[in-house]
Full PDB file with SEQRES, HELIX, SHEET, SSBOND, CRYST1, ORIGX, SCALE, CONECT and MASTER records, all heavy atoms in Angstrom:
SEQRES   1 A   37  LEU GLY TYR LEU MET LEU PRO VAL PHE HIS LEU LEU GLY          
SEQRES   2 A   37  LEU LEU ASN LEU GLU PHE ALA LEU LEU TYR LEU LEU LEU          
SEQRES   3 A   37  ALA VAL GLY TYR GLY VAL LEU LEU SER GLN LEU                  
HELIX    1 AA1 GLY A    2  LEU A   11  1                                  10    
HELIX    2 AA2 LEU A   17  GLN A   36  1                                  20    
CRYST1    1.000    1.000    1.000  90.00  90.00  90.00 P 1           1          
ORIGX1      1.000000  0.000000  0.000000        0.00000                         
ORIGX2      0.000000  1.000000  0.000000        0.00000                         
ORIGX3      0.000000  0.000000  1.000000        0.00000                         
SCALE1      1.000000  0.000000  0.000000        0.00000                         
SCALE2      0.000000  1.000000  0.000000        0.00000                         
SCALE3      0.000000  0.000000  1.000000        0.00000                         
ATOM      1  N   LEU A   1       0.363  12.549 -26.824  1.00  0.00           N  
ATOM      2  CA  LEU A   1       1.127  13.450 -26.044  1.00  0.00           C  
ATOM      3  C   LEU A   1       0.520  13.812 -24.732  1.00  0.00           C  
ATOM      4  O   LEU A   1       1.111  13.928 -23.682  1.00  0.00           O  
ATOM      5  CB  LEU A   1       1.663  14.583 -26.815  1.00  0.00           C  
ATOM      6  CG  LEU A   1       2.654  14.472 -27.976  1.00  0.00           C  
ATOM      7  CD1 LEU A   1       2.943  15.737 -28.628  1.00  0.00           C  
ATOM      8  CD2 LEU A   1       3.917  13.761 -27.437  1.00  0.00           C  
ATOM      9  N   GLY A   2      -0.823  13.989 -24.889  1.00  0.00           N  
ATOM     10  CA  GLY A   2      -1.564  14.307 -23.742  1.00  0.00           C  
ATOM     11  C   GLY A   2      -1.632  13.173 -22.658  1.00  0.00           C  
ATOM     12  O   GLY A   2      -1.361  13.497 -21.424  1.00  0.00           O  
ATOM     13  N   TYR A   3      -1.642  11.926 -23.137  1.00  0.00           N  
ATOM     14  CA  TYR A   3      -1.521  10.764 -22.216  1.00  0.00           C  
ATOM     15  C   TYR A   3      -0.200  10.745 -21.531  1.00  0.00           C  
ATOM     16  O   TYR A   3       0.014  10.391 -20.351  1.00  0.00           O  
ATOM     17  CB  TYR A   3      -1.840   9.514 -22.957  1.00  0.00           C  
ATOM     18  CG  TYR A   3      -3.226   9.315 -23.426  1.00  0.00           C  
ATOM     19  CD1 TYR A   3      -3.453   8.786 -24.679  1.00  0.00           C  
ATOM     20  CD2 TYR A   3      -4.309   9.783 -22.699  1.00  0.00           C  
ATOM     21  CE1 TYR A   3      -4.807   8.644 -25.140  1.00  0.00           C  
ATOM     22  CE2 TYR A   3      -5.627   9.691 -23.132  1.00  0.00           C  
ATOM     23  CZ  TYR A   3      -5.914   9.144 -24.407  1.00  0.00           C  
ATOM     24  OH  TYR A   3      -7.163   9.079 -24.888  1.00  0.00           O  
ATOM     25  N   LEU A   4       0.897  11.013 -22.287  1.00  0.00           N  
ATOM     26  CA  LEU A   4       2.262  11.011 -21.834  1.00  0.00           C  
ATOM     27  C   LEU A   4       2.536  12.103 -20.844  1.00  0.00           C  
ATOM     28  O   LEU A   4       3.276  11.839 -19.915  1.00  0.00           O  
ATOM     29  CB  LEU A   4       3.235  11.035 -23.001  1.00  0.00           C  
ATOM     30  CG  LEU A   4       3.177   9.794 -24.003  1.00  0.00           C  
ATOM     31  CD1 LEU A   4       4.187  10.082 -25.151  1.00  0.00           C  
ATOM     32  CD2 LEU A   4       3.498   8.538 -23.276  1.00  0.00           C  
ATOM     33  N   MET A   5       1.999  13.282 -21.115  1.00  0.00           N  
ATOM     34  CA  MET A   5       2.291  14.414 -20.252  1.00  0.00           C  
ATOM     35  C   MET A   5       1.585  14.278 -18.863  1.00  0.00           C  
ATOM     36  O   MET A   5       2.163  14.847 -17.883  1.00  0.00           O  
ATOM     37  CB  MET A   5       1.798  15.708 -20.889  1.00  0.00           C  
ATOM     38  CG  MET A   5       2.622  16.017 -22.162  1.00  0.00           C  
ATOM     39  SD  MET A   5       4.388  16.320 -21.812  1.00  0.00           S  
ATOM     40  CE  MET A   5       4.269  17.853 -21.011  1.00  0.00           C  
ATOM     41  N   LEU A   6       0.466  13.558 -18.755  1.00  0.00           N  
ATOM     42  CA  LEU A   6      -0.219  13.455 -17.480  1.00  0.00           C  
ATOM     43  C   LEU A   6       0.573  12.961 -16.337  1.00  0.00           C  
ATOM     44  O   LEU A   6       0.682  13.568 -15.336  1.00  0.00           O  
ATOM     45  CB  LEU A   6      -1.499  12.648 -17.728  1.00  0.00           C  
ATOM     46  CG  LEU A   6      -2.656  13.319 -18.393  1.00  0.00           C  
ATOM     47  CD1 LEU A   6      -3.824  12.274 -18.521  1.00  0.00           C  
ATOM     48  CD2 LEU A   6      -3.182  14.474 -17.583  1.00  0.00           C  
ATOM     49  N   PRO A   7       1.267  11.792 -16.521  1.00  0.00           N  
ATOM     50  CA  PRO A   7       2.143  11.341 -15.299  1.00  0.00           C  
ATOM     51  C   PRO A   7       3.323  12.282 -15.112  1.00  0.00           C  
ATOM     52  O   PRO A   7       3.746  12.385 -13.936  1.00  0.00           O  
ATOM     53  CB  PRO A   7       2.594   9.918 -15.800  1.00  0.00           C  
ATOM     54  CG  PRO A   7       2.378   9.988 -17.290  1.00  0.00           C  
ATOM     55  CD  PRO A   7       1.340  10.799 -17.607  1.00  0.00           C  
ATOM     56  N   VAL A   8       3.730  12.932 -16.136  1.00  0.00           N  
ATOM     57  CA  VAL A   8       4.909  13.857 -15.955  1.00  0.00           C  
ATOM     58  C   VAL A   8       4.524  15.020 -15.141  1.00  0.00           C  
ATOM     59  O   VAL A   8       5.112  15.323 -14.084  1.00  0.00           O  
ATOM     60  CB  VAL A   8       5.442  14.375 -17.261  1.00  0.00           C  
ATOM     61  CG1 VAL A   8       6.532  15.464 -17.067  1.00  0.00           C  
ATOM     62  CG2 VAL A   8       6.025  13.258 -18.115  1.00  0.00           C  
ATOM     63  N   PHE A   9       3.386  15.594 -15.381  1.00  0.00           N  
ATOM     64  CA  PHE A   9       2.937  16.811 -14.601  1.00  0.00           C  
ATOM     65  C   PHE A   9       2.448  16.260 -13.243  1.00  0.00           C  
ATOM     66  O   PHE A   9       2.582  17.040 -12.271  1.00  0.00           O  
ATOM     67  CB  PHE A   9       1.707  17.497 -15.288  1.00  0.00           C  
ATOM     68  CG  PHE A   9       2.134  18.252 -16.521  1.00  0.00           C  
ATOM     69  CD1 PHE A   9       1.506  18.102 -17.722  1.00  0.00           C  
ATOM     70  CD2 PHE A   9       3.078  19.250 -16.413  1.00  0.00           C  
ATOM     71  CE1 PHE A   9       1.881  18.872 -18.826  1.00  0.00           C  
ATOM     72  CE2 PHE A   9       3.471  20.008 -17.474  1.00  0.00           C  
ATOM     73  CZ  PHE A   9       2.843  19.801 -18.740  1.00  0.00           C  
ATOM     74  N   HIS A  10       1.963  15.039 -13.110  1.00  0.00           N  
ATOM     75  CA  HIS A  10       1.560  14.633 -11.736  1.00  0.00           C  
ATOM     76  C   HIS A  10       2.856  14.402 -10.924  1.00  0.00           C  
ATOM     77  O   HIS A  10       2.847  14.812  -9.717  1.00  0.00           O  
ATOM     78  CB  HIS A  10       0.881  13.229 -11.948  1.00  0.00           C  
ATOM     79  CG  HIS A  10       0.439  12.625 -10.630  1.00  0.00           C  
ATOM     80  ND1 HIS A  10      -0.434  13.156  -9.745  1.00  0.00           N  
ATOM     81  CD2 HIS A  10       0.951  11.472 -10.036  1.00  0.00           C  
ATOM     82  CE1 HIS A  10      -0.576  12.429  -8.686  1.00  0.00           C  
ATOM     83  NE2 HIS A  10       0.268  11.343  -8.873  1.00  0.00           N  
ATOM     84  N   LEU A  11       3.906  13.929 -11.430  1.00  0.00           N  
ATOM     85  CA  LEU A  11       5.120  13.744 -10.623  1.00  0.00           C  
ATOM     86  C   LEU A  11       5.765  15.091 -10.262  1.00  0.00           C  
ATOM     87  O   LEU A  11       6.394  15.211  -9.269  1.00  0.00           O  
ATOM     88  CB  LEU A  11       6.162  12.999 -11.487  1.00  0.00           C  
ATOM     89  CG  LEU A  11       5.836  11.425 -11.756  1.00  0.00           C  
ATOM     90  CD1 LEU A  11       6.851  10.847 -12.615  1.00  0.00           C  
ATOM     91  CD2 LEU A  11       5.766  10.692 -10.300  1.00  0.00           C  
ATOM     92  N   LEU A  12       5.528  16.149 -11.069  1.00  0.00           N  
ATOM     93  CA  LEU A  12       5.987  17.451 -10.794  1.00  0.00           C  
ATOM     94  C   LEU A  12       5.139  18.235  -9.802  1.00  0.00           C  
ATOM     95  O   LEU A  12       5.342  19.351  -9.472  1.00  0.00           O  
ATOM     96  CB  LEU A  12       6.278  18.277 -12.104  1.00  0.00           C  
ATOM     97  CG  LEU A  12       7.303  17.666 -13.018  1.00  0.00           C  
ATOM     98  CD1 LEU A  12       7.342  18.524 -14.368  1.00  0.00           C  
ATOM     99  CD2 LEU A  12       8.685  17.811 -12.363  1.00  0.00           C  
ATOM    100  N   GLY A  13       4.062  17.586  -9.519  1.00  0.00           N  
ATOM    101  CA  GLY A  13       3.036  18.196  -8.627  1.00  0.00           C  
ATOM    102  C   GLY A  13       2.300  19.352  -9.201  1.00  0.00           C  
ATOM    103  O   GLY A  13       1.741  20.174  -8.482  1.00  0.00           O  
ATOM    104  N   LEU A  14       2.142  19.360 -10.494  1.00  0.00           N  
ATOM    105  CA  LEU A  14       1.448  20.373 -11.252  1.00  0.00           C  
ATOM    106  C   LEU A  14       0.021  19.961 -11.714  1.00  0.00           C  
ATOM    107  O   LEU A  14      -0.761  20.775 -12.288  1.00  0.00           O  
ATOM    108  CB  LEU A  14       2.166  20.891 -12.439  1.00  0.00           C  
ATOM    109  CG  LEU A  14       3.623  21.450 -12.206  1.00  0.00           C  
ATOM    110  CD1 LEU A  14       4.320  21.760 -13.504  1.00  0.00           C  
ATOM    111  CD2 LEU A  14       3.433  22.755 -11.359  1.00  0.00           C  
ATOM    112  N   LEU A  15      -0.317  18.796 -11.407  1.00  0.00           N  
ATOM    113  CA  LEU A  15      -1.535  18.288 -11.969  1.00  0.00           C  
ATOM    114  C   LEU A  15      -2.693  18.258 -10.871  1.00  0.00           C  
ATOM    115  O   LEU A  15      -2.387  17.705  -9.835  1.00  0.00           O  
ATOM    116  CB  LEU A  15      -1.347  16.758 -12.490  1.00  0.00           C  
ATOM    117  CG  LEU A  15      -2.603  16.093 -13.021  1.00  0.00           C  
ATOM    118  CD1 LEU A  15      -3.098  16.806 -14.369  1.00  0.00           C  
ATOM    119  CD2 LEU A  15      -2.246  14.668 -13.369  1.00  0.00           C  
ATOM    120  N   ASN A  16      -3.799  18.764 -11.229  1.00  0.00           N  
ATOM    121  CA  ASN A  16      -4.949  18.722 -10.356  1.00  0.00           C  
ATOM    122  C   ASN A  16      -5.665  17.391 -10.724  1.00  0.00           C  
ATOM    123  O   ASN A  16      -6.319  17.295 -11.714  1.00  0.00           O  
ATOM    124  CB  ASN A  16      -5.884  19.921 -10.654  1.00  0.00           C  
ATOM    125  CG  ASN A  16      -7.009  20.023  -9.750  1.00  0.00           C  
ATOM    126  OD1 ASN A  16      -7.673  18.825  -9.319  1.00  0.00           O  
ATOM    127  ND2 ASN A  16      -7.502  21.135  -9.316  1.00  0.00           N  
ATOM    128  N   LEU A  17      -5.467  16.393  -9.919  1.00  0.00           N  
ATOM    129  CA  LEU A  17      -5.973  15.049 -10.254  1.00  0.00           C  
ATOM    130  C   LEU A  17      -7.440  14.993 -10.376  1.00  0.00           C  
ATOM    131  O   LEU A  17      -8.005  14.310 -11.324  1.00  0.00           O  
ATOM    132  CB  LEU A  17      -5.470  14.035  -9.204  1.00  0.00           C  
ATOM    133  CG  LEU A  17      -5.727  12.526  -9.482  1.00  0.00           C  
ATOM    134  CD1 LEU A  17      -4.967  12.230 -10.774  1.00  0.00           C  
ATOM    135  CD2 LEU A  17      -5.236  11.645  -8.394  1.00  0.00           C  
ATOM    136  N   GLU A  18      -8.251  15.673  -9.512  1.00  0.00           N  
ATOM    137  CA  GLU A  18      -9.604  15.705  -9.655  1.00  0.00           C  
ATOM    138  C   GLU A  18     -10.145  16.201 -10.968  1.00  0.00           C  
ATOM    139  O   GLU A  18     -11.051  15.792 -11.598  1.00  0.00           O  
ATOM    140  CB  GLU A  18     -10.286  16.431  -8.464  1.00  0.00           C  
ATOM    141  CG  GLU A  18     -10.021  15.739  -7.040  1.00  0.00           C  
ATOM    142  CD  GLU A  18     -10.737  16.507  -6.001  1.00  0.00           C  
ATOM    143  OE1 GLU A  18     -11.353  17.555  -6.346  1.00  0.00           O  
ATOM    144  OE2 GLU A  18     -10.667  16.027  -4.826  1.00  0.00           O  
ATOM    145  N   PHE A  19      -9.425  17.375 -11.322  1.00  0.00           N  
ATOM    146  CA  PHE A  19      -9.863  18.057 -12.599  1.00  0.00           C  
ATOM    147  C   PHE A  19      -9.578  17.131 -13.789  1.00  0.00           C  
ATOM    148  O   PHE A  19     -10.297  16.955 -14.735  1.00  0.00           O  
ATOM    149  CB  PHE A  19      -9.070  19.391 -12.779  1.00  0.00           C  
ATOM    150  CG  PHE A  19      -9.251  20.045 -14.104  1.00  0.00           C  
ATOM    151  CD1 PHE A  19     -10.408  20.816 -14.354  1.00  0.00           C  
ATOM    152  CD2 PHE A  19      -8.418  19.812 -15.215  1.00  0.00           C  
ATOM    153  CE1 PHE A  19     -10.620  21.342 -15.613  1.00  0.00           C  
ATOM    154  CE2 PHE A  19      -8.587  20.531 -16.422  1.00  0.00           C  
ATOM    155  CZ  PHE A  19      -9.628  21.183 -16.538  1.00  0.00           C  
ATOM    156  N   ALA A  20      -8.367  16.447 -13.798  1.00  0.00           N  
ATOM    157  CA  ALA A  20      -8.018  15.650 -14.867  1.00  0.00           C  
ATOM    158  C   ALA A  20      -8.974  14.432 -14.990  1.00  0.00           C  
ATOM    159  O   ALA A  20      -9.269  14.055 -16.088  1.00  0.00           O  
ATOM    160  CB  ALA A  20      -6.553  15.112 -14.705  1.00  0.00           C  
ATOM    161  N   LEU A  21      -9.255  13.848 -13.896  1.00  0.00           N  
ATOM    162  CA  LEU A  21     -10.262  12.721 -13.985  1.00  0.00           C  
ATOM    163  C   LEU A  21     -11.619  13.121 -14.433  1.00  0.00           C  
ATOM    164  O   LEU A  21     -12.197  12.369 -15.200  1.00  0.00           O  
ATOM    165  CB  LEU A  21     -10.261  12.076 -12.688  1.00  0.00           C  
ATOM    166  CG  LEU A  21      -9.105  11.261 -12.093  1.00  0.00           C  
ATOM    167  CD1 LEU A  21      -9.286  10.802 -10.606  1.00  0.00           C  
ATOM    168  CD2 LEU A  21      -8.683  10.079 -13.019  1.00  0.00           C  
ATOM    169  N   LEU A  22     -12.018  14.299 -14.006  1.00  0.00           N  
ATOM    170  CA  LEU A  22     -13.408  14.744 -14.429  1.00  0.00           C  
ATOM    171  C   LEU A  22     -13.344  15.105 -15.858  1.00  0.00           C  
ATOM    172  O   LEU A  22     -14.314  14.714 -16.665  1.00  0.00           O  
ATOM    173  CB  LEU A  22     -13.749  15.965 -13.614  1.00  0.00           C  
ATOM    174  CG  LEU A  22     -15.062  16.669 -13.978  1.00  0.00           C  
ATOM    175  CD1 LEU A  22     -16.213  15.759 -13.724  1.00  0.00           C  
ATOM    176  CD2 LEU A  22     -15.257  17.967 -13.221  1.00  0.00           C  
ATOM    177  N   TYR A  23     -12.258  15.704 -16.384  1.00  0.00           N  
ATOM    178  CA  TYR A  23     -12.084  15.988 -17.852  1.00  0.00           C  
ATOM    179  C   TYR A  23     -12.147  14.755 -18.615  1.00  0.00           C  
ATOM    180  O   TYR A  23     -12.738  14.646 -19.697  1.00  0.00           O  
ATOM    181  CB  TYR A  23     -10.892  16.857 -18.078  1.00  0.00           C  
ATOM    182  CG  TYR A  23     -10.716  17.203 -19.505  1.00  0.00           C  
ATOM    183  CD1 TYR A  23     -11.362  18.291 -20.052  1.00  0.00           C  
ATOM    184  CD2 TYR A  23      -9.875  16.607 -20.267  1.00  0.00           C  
ATOM    185  CE1 TYR A  23     -11.280  18.599 -21.349  1.00  0.00           C  
ATOM    186  CE2 TYR A  23      -9.611  16.892 -21.568  1.00  0.00           C  
ATOM    187  CZ  TYR A  23     -10.438  17.913 -22.125  1.00  0.00           C  
ATOM    188  OH  TYR A  23     -10.262  18.305 -23.481  1.00  0.00           O  
ATOM    189  N   LEU A  24     -11.351  13.756 -18.086  1.00  0.00           N  
ATOM    190  CA  LEU A  24     -11.240  12.493 -18.891  1.00  0.00           C  
ATOM    191  C   LEU A  24     -12.610  11.725 -18.928  1.00  0.00           C  
ATOM    192  O   LEU A  24     -12.974  11.292 -19.973  1.00  0.00           O  
ATOM    193  CB  LEU A  24     -10.242  11.545 -18.205  1.00  0.00           C  
ATOM    194  CG  LEU A  24      -9.980  10.211 -18.797  1.00  0.00           C  
ATOM    195  CD1 LEU A  24      -9.555  10.384 -20.292  1.00  0.00           C  
ATOM    196  CD2 LEU A  24      -8.960   9.404 -18.008  1.00  0.00           C  
ATOM    197  N   LEU A  25     -13.339  11.837 -17.852  1.00  0.00           N  
ATOM    198  CA  LEU A  25     -14.713  11.194 -17.742  1.00  0.00           C  
ATOM    199  C   LEU A  25     -15.660  11.903 -18.804  1.00  0.00           C  
ATOM    200  O   LEU A  25     -16.449  11.214 -19.482  1.00  0.00           O  
ATOM    201  CB  LEU A  25     -15.255  11.337 -16.359  1.00  0.00           C  
ATOM    202  CG  LEU A  25     -16.629  10.745 -16.093  1.00  0.00           C  
ATOM    203  CD1 LEU A  25     -16.547   9.153 -16.387  1.00  0.00           C  
ATOM    204  CD2 LEU A  25     -17.051  10.980 -14.665  1.00  0.00           C  
ATOM    205  N   LEU A  26     -15.576  13.240 -18.782  1.00  0.00           N  
ATOM    206  CA  LEU A  26     -16.405  13.978 -19.717  1.00  0.00           C  
ATOM    207  C   LEU A  26     -16.110  13.703 -21.193  1.00  0.00           C  
ATOM    208  O   LEU A  26     -17.022  13.558 -22.028  1.00  0.00           O  
ATOM    209  CB  LEU A  26     -16.370  15.495 -19.453  1.00  0.00           C  
ATOM    210  CG  LEU A  26     -17.024  16.000 -18.155  1.00  0.00           C  
ATOM    211  CD1 LEU A  26     -16.651  17.391 -17.972  1.00  0.00           C  
ATOM    212  CD2 LEU A  26     -18.529  15.794 -18.175  1.00  0.00           C  
ATOM    213  N   ALA A  27     -14.688  13.605 -21.509  1.00  0.00           N  
ATOM    214  CA  ALA A  27     -14.304  13.386 -22.837  1.00  0.00           C  
ATOM    215  C   ALA A  27     -14.743  11.936 -23.269  1.00  0.00           C  
ATOM    216  O   ALA A  27     -15.326  11.793 -24.420  1.00  0.00           O  
ATOM    217  CB  ALA A  27     -12.790  13.512 -22.921  1.00  0.00           C  
ATOM    218  N   VAL A  28     -14.529  10.994 -22.424  1.00  0.00           N  
ATOM    219  CA  VAL A  28     -14.988   9.628 -22.729  1.00  0.00           C  
ATOM    220  C   VAL A  28     -16.455   9.517 -22.907  1.00  0.00           C  
ATOM    221  O   VAL A  28     -17.029   8.911 -23.778  1.00  0.00           O  
ATOM    222  CB  VAL A  28     -14.446   8.584 -21.650  1.00  0.00           C  
ATOM    223  CG1 VAL A  28     -15.029   7.188 -21.911  1.00  0.00           C  
ATOM    224  CG2 VAL A  28     -12.898   8.542 -21.801  1.00  0.00           C  
ATOM    225  N   GLY A  29     -17.155  10.153 -21.934  1.00  0.00           N  
ATOM    226  CA  GLY A  29     -18.667  10.197 -21.969  1.00  0.00           C  
ATOM    227  C   GLY A  29     -19.199  10.790 -23.239  1.00  0.00           C  
ATOM    228  O   GLY A  29     -20.223  10.256 -23.811  1.00  0.00           O  
ATOM    229  N   TYR A  30     -18.612  11.908 -23.765  1.00  0.00           N  
ATOM    230  CA  TYR A  30     -19.031  12.490 -24.897  1.00  0.00           C  
ATOM    231  C   TYR A  30     -18.887  11.661 -26.115  1.00  0.00           C  
ATOM    232  O   TYR A  30     -19.654  11.487 -27.007  1.00  0.00           O  
ATOM    233  CB  TYR A  30     -18.319  13.814 -25.117  1.00  0.00           C  
ATOM    234  CG  TYR A  30     -18.971  14.708 -26.195  1.00  0.00           C  
ATOM    235  CD1 TYR A  30     -20.235  15.409 -26.075  1.00  0.00           C  
ATOM    236  CD2 TYR A  30     -18.270  14.828 -27.392  1.00  0.00           C  
ATOM    237  CE1 TYR A  30     -20.649  16.192 -27.028  1.00  0.00           C  
ATOM    238  CE2 TYR A  30     -18.790  15.631 -28.456  1.00  0.00           C  
ATOM    239  CZ  TYR A  30     -20.041  16.254 -28.237  1.00  0.00           C  
ATOM    240  OH  TYR A  30     -20.602  17.037 -29.289  1.00  0.00           O  
ATOM    241  N   GLY A  31     -17.701  10.966 -26.153  1.00  0.00           N  
ATOM    242  CA  GLY A  31     -17.452  10.046 -27.219  1.00  0.00           C  
ATOM    243  C   GLY A  31     -18.431   8.873 -27.212  1.00  0.00           C  
ATOM    244  O   GLY A  31     -18.878   8.393 -28.270  1.00  0.00           O  
ATOM    245  N   VAL A  32     -18.739   8.398 -25.985  1.00  0.00           N  
ATOM    246  CA  VAL A  32     -19.795   7.272 -25.953  1.00  0.00           C  
ATOM    247  C   VAL A  32     -21.116   7.761 -26.446  1.00  0.00           C  
ATOM    248  O   VAL A  32     -21.817   7.070 -27.109  1.00  0.00           O  
ATOM    249  CB  VAL A  32     -19.835   6.821 -24.459  1.00  0.00           C  
ATOM    250  CG1 VAL A  32     -21.137   5.949 -24.303  1.00  0.00           C  
ATOM    251  CG2 VAL A  32     -18.645   6.118 -23.984  1.00  0.00           C  
ATOM    252  N   LEU A  33     -21.488   8.963 -26.067  1.00  0.00           N  
ATOM    253  CA  LEU A  33     -22.766   9.610 -26.564  1.00  0.00           C  
ATOM    254  C   LEU A  33     -22.877   9.594 -28.093  1.00  0.00           C  
ATOM    255  O   LEU A  33     -23.832   9.209 -28.620  1.00  0.00           O  
ATOM    256  CB  LEU A  33     -22.932  10.959 -26.024  1.00  0.00           C  
ATOM    257  CG  LEU A  33     -24.176  11.731 -26.368  1.00  0.00           C  
ATOM    258  CD1 LEU A  33     -25.449  10.957 -26.045  1.00  0.00           C  
ATOM    259  CD2 LEU A  33     -24.199  13.172 -25.877  1.00  0.00           C  
ATOM    260  N   LEU A  34     -21.711  10.041 -28.685  1.00  0.00           N  
ATOM    261  CA  LEU A  34     -21.732   9.984 -30.227  1.00  0.00           C  
ATOM    262  C   LEU A  34     -21.841   8.659 -30.693  1.00  0.00           C  
ATOM    263  O   LEU A  34     -22.592   8.387 -31.765  1.00  0.00           O  
ATOM    264  CB  LEU A  34     -20.477  10.766 -30.712  1.00  0.00           C  
ATOM    265  CG  LEU A  34     -20.388  12.252 -30.378  1.00  0.00           C  
ATOM    266  CD1 LEU A  34     -18.981  12.790 -30.843  1.00  0.00           C  
ATOM    267  CD2 LEU A  34     -21.517  13.004 -31.110  1.00  0.00           C  
ATOM    268  N   SER A  35     -21.144   7.737 -30.197  1.00  0.00           N  
ATOM    269  CA  SER A  35     -21.210   6.397 -30.675  1.00  0.00           C  
ATOM    270  C   SER A  35     -22.556   5.746 -30.558  1.00  0.00           C  
ATOM    271  O   SER A  35     -23.081   5.064 -31.386  1.00  0.00           O  
ATOM    272  CB  SER A  35     -20.140   5.501 -29.923  1.00  0.00           C  
ATOM    273  OG  SER A  35     -18.867   5.914 -30.213  1.00  0.00           O  
ATOM    274  N   GLN A  36     -23.176   6.055 -29.363  1.00  0.00           N  
ATOM    275  CA  GLN A  36     -24.573   5.602 -29.153  1.00  0.00           C  
ATOM    276  C   GLN A  36     -25.546   6.119 -30.130  1.00  0.00           C  
ATOM    277  O   GLN A  36     -26.426   5.475 -30.638  1.00  0.00           O  
ATOM    278  CB  GLN A  36     -25.049   6.044 -27.740  1.00  0.00           C  
ATOM    279  CG  GLN A  36     -24.225   5.373 -26.510  1.00  0.00           C  
ATOM    280  CD  GLN A  36     -24.949   4.052 -26.061  1.00  0.00           C  
ATOM    281  OE1 GLN A  36     -25.982   3.670 -26.529  1.00  0.00           O  
ATOM    282  NE2 GLN A  36     -24.310   3.480 -25.114  1.00  0.00           N  
ATOM    283  N   LEU A  37     -25.302   7.468 -30.559  1.00  0.00           N  
ATOM    284  CA  LEU A  37     -26.215   8.080 -31.432  1.00  0.00           C  
ATOM    285  C   LEU A  37     -26.070   7.401 -32.828  1.00  0.00           C  
ATOM    286  O   LEU A  37     -27.033   7.169 -33.538  1.00  0.00           O  
ATOM    287  CB  LEU A  37     -25.895   9.564 -31.477  1.00  0.00           C  
ATOM    288  CG  LEU A  37     -26.713  10.393 -32.519  1.00  0.00           C  
ATOM    289  CD1 LEU A  37     -28.154  10.357 -32.117  1.00  0.00           C  
ATOM    290  CD2 LEU A  37     -26.145  11.862 -32.437  1.00  0.00           C  
TER     291      LEU A  37                                                      
MASTER        0    0    0    2    0    0    0    6  290    1    0    3          
END                                                                             
């Protein structure tokens, strides 16, 4: 649902794109760290 809501909020002009990309990068990076461990 999070993935589906992102484009919806973006089209409505409610999405801070820089924040969303940074958050996504941190989430993916943390998952990579756990996998590496």
